[in-house]
Amino acid sequence: MTPYLGVRDGEGYVSGIRAIGPNPSSGAVRIAYTVAKQGMVKLDLFDIHGRRIATLVDAAQSAGEHTIIWRREGAGGLESGPGIYVLRFLVDGRLHGTRRLVAMK
């Protein structure tokens, strides 16, 4: 798992991506993140050319810790190939972190 990276809100809580694992990965990837205050969460996955591959989360979520599994699927359910990807984590439209994810064969 990669170390925690996030942005503190005005109350001292941290929203951000807590862990990605395994990274690098040849299969499914577990992405753990924290939401400091209830809000609209968006977690997008981009390739290194800046093309959006998938929107993994786009929903109102409660404060707390959350986890999703990315099974290497992109838009339309097509399998995403090996490469370097970037996760972008937003809460209420505000950027709370980006992380690199490496997918292997």
Protein backbone atom coordinates (compact mmCIF):
# COMPACT_ATOMS: atom_id res chain seq x y z
CA MET A 1 0.00 0.00 0.00
CA THR A 2 1.13 3.51 -0.77
CA PRO A 3 1.18 6.08 2.05
CA TYR A 4 -1.69 8.44 2.90
CA LEU A 5 -2.02 11.75 1.09
CA GLY A 6 -4.87 14.21 1.63
CA VAL A 7 -5.97 17.76 2.25
CA ARG A 8 -7.05 19.10 5.65
CA ASP A 9 -10.36 20.90 5.81
CA GLY A 10 -11.07 23.86 8.10
CA GLU A 11 -11.83 21.58 11.07
CA GLY A 12 -8.55 19.65 10.97
CA TYR A 13 -9.97 16.50 9.39
CA VAL A 14 -8.36 14.99 6.32
CA SER A 15 -10.10 14.00 3.08
CA GLY A 16 -7.98 12.06 0.63
CA ILE A 17 -6.85 8.78 -0.81
CA ARG A 18 -5.52 6.68 2.08
CA ALA A 19 -4.14 3.63 0.27
CA ILE A 20 -3.90 1.91 -3.09
CA GLY A 21 -2.96 -1.72 -3.18
CA PRO A 22 -1.41 -3.59 -4.57
CA ASN A 23 0.45 -0.94 -6.52
CA PRO A 24 1.81 -1.97 -8.98
CA SER A 25 -0.90 -4.51 -9.72
CA SER A 26 -1.56 -7.23 -12.27
CA GLY A 27 -5.20 -7.61 -11.18
CA ALA A 28 -7.85 -5.87 -9.10
CA VAL A 29 -6.81 -2.83 -7.04
CA ARG A 30 -8.23 -1.77 -3.66
CA ILE A 31 -8.55 2.00 -3.25
CA ALA A 32 -9.23 3.31 0.27
CA TYR A 33 -10.14 6.94 0.89
CA THR A 34 -11.48 9.19 3.63
CA VAL A 35 -14.21 11.81 3.42
CA ALA A 36 -13.91 14.39 6.24
CA LYS A 37 -17.44 15.80 5.88
CA GLN A 38 -20.45 14.49 4.00
CA GLY A 39 -20.34 15.65 0.40
CA MET A 40 -20.30 14.81 -3.29
CA VAL A 41 -17.35 12.53 -3.96
CA LYS A 42 -15.84 11.98 -7.38
CA LEU A 43 -12.95 9.58 -8.04
CA ASP A 44 -11.78 9.55 -11.66
CA LEU A 45 -9.12 7.44 -13.33
CA PHE A 46 -7.04 8.92 -16.17
CA ASP A 47 -4.36 7.47 -18.43
CA ILE A 48 -1.01 9.25 -18.76
CA HIS A 49 -2.35 11.19 -21.77
CA GLY A 50 -5.07 12.76 -19.62
CA ARG A 51 -7.94 10.73 -21.07
CA ARG A 52 -10.59 9.73 -18.54
CA ILE A 53 -10.64 5.93 -18.39
CA ALA A 54 -13.35 5.54 -15.76
CA THR A 55 -15.30 7.35 -13.07
CA LEU A 56 -15.02 5.02 -10.08
CA VAL A 57 -17.15 7.08 -7.66
CA ASP A 58 -19.63 9.87 -8.40
CA ALA A 59 -22.04 10.07 -5.47
CA ALA A 60 -22.93 11.75 -2.21
CA GLN A 61 -21.09 9.98 0.59
CA SER A 62 -21.06 10.25 4.36
CA ALA A 63 -18.02 11.26 6.36
CA GLY A 64 -15.68 8.38 7.15
CA GLU A 65 -13.54 5.75 5.51
CA HIS A 66 -14.58 4.17 2.22
CA THR A 67 -13.12 1.48 -0.04
CA ILE A 68 -13.71 0.51 -3.65
CA ILE A 69 -12.22 -2.17 -5.89
CA TRP A 70 -11.12 -1.34 -9.44
CA ARG A 71 -11.18 -4.49 -11.54
CA ARG A 72 -9.30 -2.92 -14.45
CA GLU A 73 -12.48 -1.89 -16.25
CA GLY A 74 -12.72 1.35 -18.17
CA ALA A 75 -15.63 3.13 -19.77
CA GLY A 76 -18.10 0.75 -21.35
CA GLY A 77 -16.81 -2.16 -19.28
CA LEU A 78 -13.75 -2.70 -21.48
CA GLU A 79 -10.64 -4.02 -19.75
CA SER A 80 -7.92 -1.42 -19.23
CA GLY A 81 -4.48 -2.54 -20.31
CA PRO A 82 -1.14 -2.22 -18.58
CA GLY A 83 0.14 1.29 -18.02
CA ILE A 84 0.42 4.22 -15.66
CA TYR A 85 -2.84 5.76 -14.48
CA VAL A 86 -3.69 8.76 -12.30
CA LEU A 87 -6.51 8.84 -9.75
CA ARG A 88 -8.13 12.23 -9.08
CA PHE A 89 -10.13 12.61 -5.84
CA LEU A 90 -12.64 15.46 -5.47
CA VAL A 91 -15.06 16.31 -2.66
CA ASP A 92 -17.70 18.94 -3.45
CA GLY A 93 -15.72 19.88 -6.56
CA ARG A 94 -12.54 20.59 -4.58
CA LEU A 95 -9.38 18.63 -5.36
CA HIS A 96 -8.27 16.51 -2.41
CA GLY A 97 -5.48 14.61 -4.07
CA THR A 98 -4.11 12.74 -7.03
CA ARG A 99 -2.28 9.42 -6.95
CA ARG A 100 -0.41 7.29 -9.44
CA LEU A 101 -1.45 3.71 -10.07
CA VAL A 102 0.59 1.22 -12.11
CA ALA A 103 -1.21 -1.63 -13.87
CA MET A 104 0.92 -4.49 -15.16
CA LYS A 105 0.11 -7.38 -17.48
